[in-house]
Protein backbone atom coordinates (compact mmCIF):
# COMPACT_ATOMS: atom_id res chain seq x y z
CA MET A 1 10.99 -8.43 8.05
CA GLY A 2 7.72 -7.84 6.06
CA ASN A 3 4.57 -5.83 6.66
CA ILE A 4 1.74 -7.18 8.78
CA LYS A 5 -1.25 -8.59 6.61
CA LEU A 6 -4.67 -8.80 8.08
CA ASP A 7 -7.21 -11.12 6.74
CA ARG A 8 -10.46 -12.67 7.82
CA PHE A 9 -10.16 -16.20 9.13
CA ASN A 10 -11.35 -18.76 6.63
CA ARG A 11 -12.31 -21.93 8.73
CA THR A 12 -11.89 -24.19 5.73
CA LYS A 13 -8.30 -23.14 4.87
CA ARG A 14 -5.30 -24.84 6.39
CA TYR A 15 -2.91 -22.63 8.11
CA ASP A 16 0.85 -23.39 9.02
CA ASP A 17 1.14 -22.86 12.77
CA LYS A 18 4.71 -21.97 12.48
CA THR A 19 4.18 -18.68 10.79
CA THR A 20 0.58 -17.64 11.48
CA THR A 21 -1.07 -16.19 14.57
CA ILE A 22 -4.86 -16.35 15.04
CA VAL A 23 -6.48 -13.75 17.33
CA ALA A 24 -10.13 -13.60 18.48
CA ASP A 25 -11.45 -10.14 19.39
CA GLU A 26 -14.40 -9.02 21.59
CA ASP A 27 -16.94 -9.51 18.65
CA GLU A 28 -15.78 -13.08 18.10
CA ASP A 29 -14.44 -12.21 14.73
CA ILE A 30 -11.15 -14.14 14.10
CA TYR A 31 -8.32 -12.53 12.20
CA ILE A 32 -5.06 -13.89 10.90
CA VAL A 33 -1.92 -11.79 11.57
CA GLY A 34 1.20 -13.03 9.73
CA GLU A 35 4.06 -11.68 8.04
CA CYS A 36 4.19 -11.31 4.13
CA ASP A 37 6.95 -10.04 2.02
CA PRO A 38 5.62 -7.36 -0.43
CA LEU A 39 7.55 -5.38 -2.79
CA ASN A 40 8.24 -2.33 -0.76
CA ILE A 41 8.88 0.60 -3.04
CA ALA A 42 7.71 3.63 -1.03
CA TYR A 43 7.55 6.98 -2.94
CA ASP A 44 11.09 8.59 -3.00
CA GLU A 45 13.22 10.24 -5.59
CA ILE A 46 15.22 7.01 -6.08
CA SER A 47 13.03 4.31 -7.29
CA TRP A 48 11.10 4.68 -10.56
CA ILE A 49 8.93 1.80 -11.87
CA ILE A 50 9.08 1.08 -15.60
CA ASP A 51 5.27 0.62 -16.43
CA SER A 52 4.00 -0.83 -19.76
CA GLY A 53 0.59 0.22 -18.91
CA ALA A 54 1.02 3.91 -17.87
CA SER A 55 -0.23 6.30 -20.40
CA PHE A 56 2.11 9.09 -19.06
CA HIS A 57 4.96 9.29 -16.63
CA PHE A 58 3.74 9.90 -13.23
CA THR A 59 5.12 11.13 -9.66
CA PRO A 60 3.74 12.20 -6.33
CA GLY A 61 6.66 14.43 -5.74
CA GLY A 62 5.76 18.10 -6.33
CA ASP A 63 9.42 19.19 -5.91
CA PHE A 64 10.56 16.84 -8.55
CA PHE A 65 9.82 19.11 -11.41
CA ALA A 66 12.32 21.43 -13.36
CA THR A 67 9.11 23.09 -14.93
CA TYR A 68 5.61 22.94 -13.62
CA GLN A 69 2.08 23.95 -14.75
CA SER A 70 -0.42 23.74 -12.09
CA GLY A 71 -4.08 22.99 -13.00
CA ASP A 72 -6.92 20.62 -13.17
CA PHE A 73 -5.55 17.98 -15.72
CA GLY A 74 -8.48 15.44 -14.91
CA ASN A 75 -8.20 12.02 -12.99
CA VAL A 76 -6.32 8.94 -13.25
CA GLN A 77 -7.87 5.47 -12.63
CA MET A 78 -5.67 3.84 -10.07
CA GLY A 79 -5.11 0.03 -9.81
CA ASN A 80 -7.37 -0.30 -6.81
CA GLN A 81 -10.29 1.13 -8.98
CA GLY A 82 -10.11 4.40 -7.19
CA ARG A 83 -9.65 7.83 -9.01
CA SER A 84 -6.97 10.32 -8.14
CA LYS A 85 -6.55 13.94 -9.32
CA ILE A 86 -3.79 15.26 -11.55
CA VAL A 87 -2.83 18.62 -10.04
CA GLY A 88 -0.02 19.48 -12.45
CA LYS A 89 2.40 18.49 -15.19
CA GLY A 90 5.78 19.40 -16.26
CA LEU A 91 9.40 18.46 -16.88
CA VAL A 92 11.39 16.11 -14.70
CA ILE A 93 15.15 15.72 -15.29
CA LEU A 94 16.77 12.62 -13.95
CA THR A 95 20.31 11.27 -13.76
CA SER A 96 20.18 7.48 -14.41
CA ASN A 97 22.08 5.13 -12.29
CA ILE A 98 24.85 4.90 -14.90
CA GLY A 99 25.05 8.78 -15.10
CA CYS A 100 23.17 9.78 -18.19
CA LYS A 101 20.49 12.60 -18.04
CA ILE A 102 17.11 11.65 -18.83
CA ILE A 103 14.43 14.28 -19.55
CA LEU A 104 10.88 13.18 -18.88
CA LYS A 105 8.30 15.45 -20.56
CA ASP A 106 4.73 16.00 -19.70
CA VAL A 107 5.02 14.16 -16.28
CA ARG A 108 1.86 14.09 -14.34
CA HIS A 109 1.85 15.17 -10.72
CA ILE A 110 -0.52 13.06 -8.70
CA PRO A 111 -0.06 13.55 -4.93
CA ASP A 112 -2.09 10.24 -4.08
CA MET A 113 0.54 8.11 -5.97
CA ARG A 114 2.89 6.26 -3.98
CA LEU A 115 5.38 5.37 -6.65
CA ASN A 116 7.11 7.16 -9.58
CA LEU A 117 6.18 5.57 -12.85
CA ILE A 118 8.11 5.91 -16.18
CA SER A 119 5.90 5.21 -19.13
CA TYR A 120 7.41 2.55 -21.37
CA GLY A 121 5.25 4.00 -24.19
CA LYS A 122 6.23 7.58 -23.67
CA LEU A 123 9.91 6.37 -23.96
CA ASP A 124 9.11 4.39 -27.16
CA ASP A 125 7.36 7.57 -28.67
CA VAL A 126 10.71 9.49 -28.41
CA SER A 127 12.73 6.61 -30.04
CA LEU A 128 14.20 5.33 -26.80
CA GLY A 129 14.64 1.56 -26.85
CA ASN A 130 13.20 -0.57 -23.94
CA HIS A 131 14.91 -3.91 -23.60
CA PHE A 132 13.68 -6.56 -21.21
CA GLY A 133 14.77 -10.01 -20.35
CA GLU A 134 16.31 -12.30 -17.80
CA GLY A 135 15.11 -10.09 -14.97
CA LYS A 136 16.82 -7.03 -16.27
CA TRP A 137 15.83 -3.69 -18.26
CA LYS A 138 17.93 -1.27 -20.16
CA LEU A 139 16.91 2.03 -21.90
CA THR A 140 18.95 2.72 -25.02
CA LYS A 141 19.26 5.42 -27.59
CA GLY A 142 21.04 3.71 -30.51
CA LYS A 143 23.75 1.76 -29.16
CA LEU A 144 24.12 4.04 -25.96
CA VAL A 145 22.86 2.43 -22.77
CA MET A 146 21.02 5.34 -20.78
CA ALA A 147 19.70 3.45 -17.90
CA ARG A 148 19.48 0.09 -16.36
CA GLY A 149 16.99 -1.68 -13.95
CA LYS A 150 16.07 -4.90 -12.49
CA LYS A 151 13.01 -6.93 -11.93
CA GLU A 152 11.68 -6.82 -8.38
CA ARG A 153 8.95 -9.29 -8.02
CA SER A 154 6.69 -8.45 -11.01
CA LEU A 155 7.93 -4.91 -11.60
CA TYR A 156 10.95 -3.59 -13.53
CA VAL A 157 12.68 -0.94 -11.23
CA THR A 158 15.38 1.48 -11.97
CA GLN A 159 17.21 3.96 -9.68
CA ALA A 160 17.57 7.48 -10.72
CA LYS A 161 18.11 10.78 -8.89
CA LEU A 162 16.94 14.21 -9.57
CA CYS A 163 19.27 15.96 -11.94
CA LYS A 164 21.60 18.24 -9.59
CA GLU A 165 22.43 20.73 -12.39
CA GLU A 166 18.71 21.62 -12.86
CA VAL A 167 16.50 23.40 -10.55
CA ASN A 168 13.50 21.06 -9.78
CA VAL A 169 10.78 23.21 -8.17
CA ALA A 170 6.97 23.07 -8.37
CA LYS A 171 5.46 26.47 -8.68
């Protein structure tokens, strides 16, 4: 079951009566209420998006950090054209879905984010290989495969947990 999507009624568009409900309110505005099936990746410590457009690694999770420096680190332009404040940065240590430890440096803490983003470019900067194809992603260091992910809709997603051996605390 998907989320509910609310759109203004377009009298020139054809609607399939089997999946769409049309409702009129007191002001005579007509709305369409129907089901859609969006990619549902809520912010959690498990799902991380591999983002080729991200300048840095980002997370909304203030308790994800092994080291943390709070401060005003500027703003980030969001996909919806809004701006969100970067309130801290630090080190996040993950255990990948195949058991390798991944250390993400200079991760930006943005409480308004709803997703955890891993920057493809930052991984490349530290000589880690990103391999995409056939709906799959893998992160390598030489011949060692460090993490794997899969394409969900148009995004590559990997599953990782906060490293249990390290203390992950925001100060």
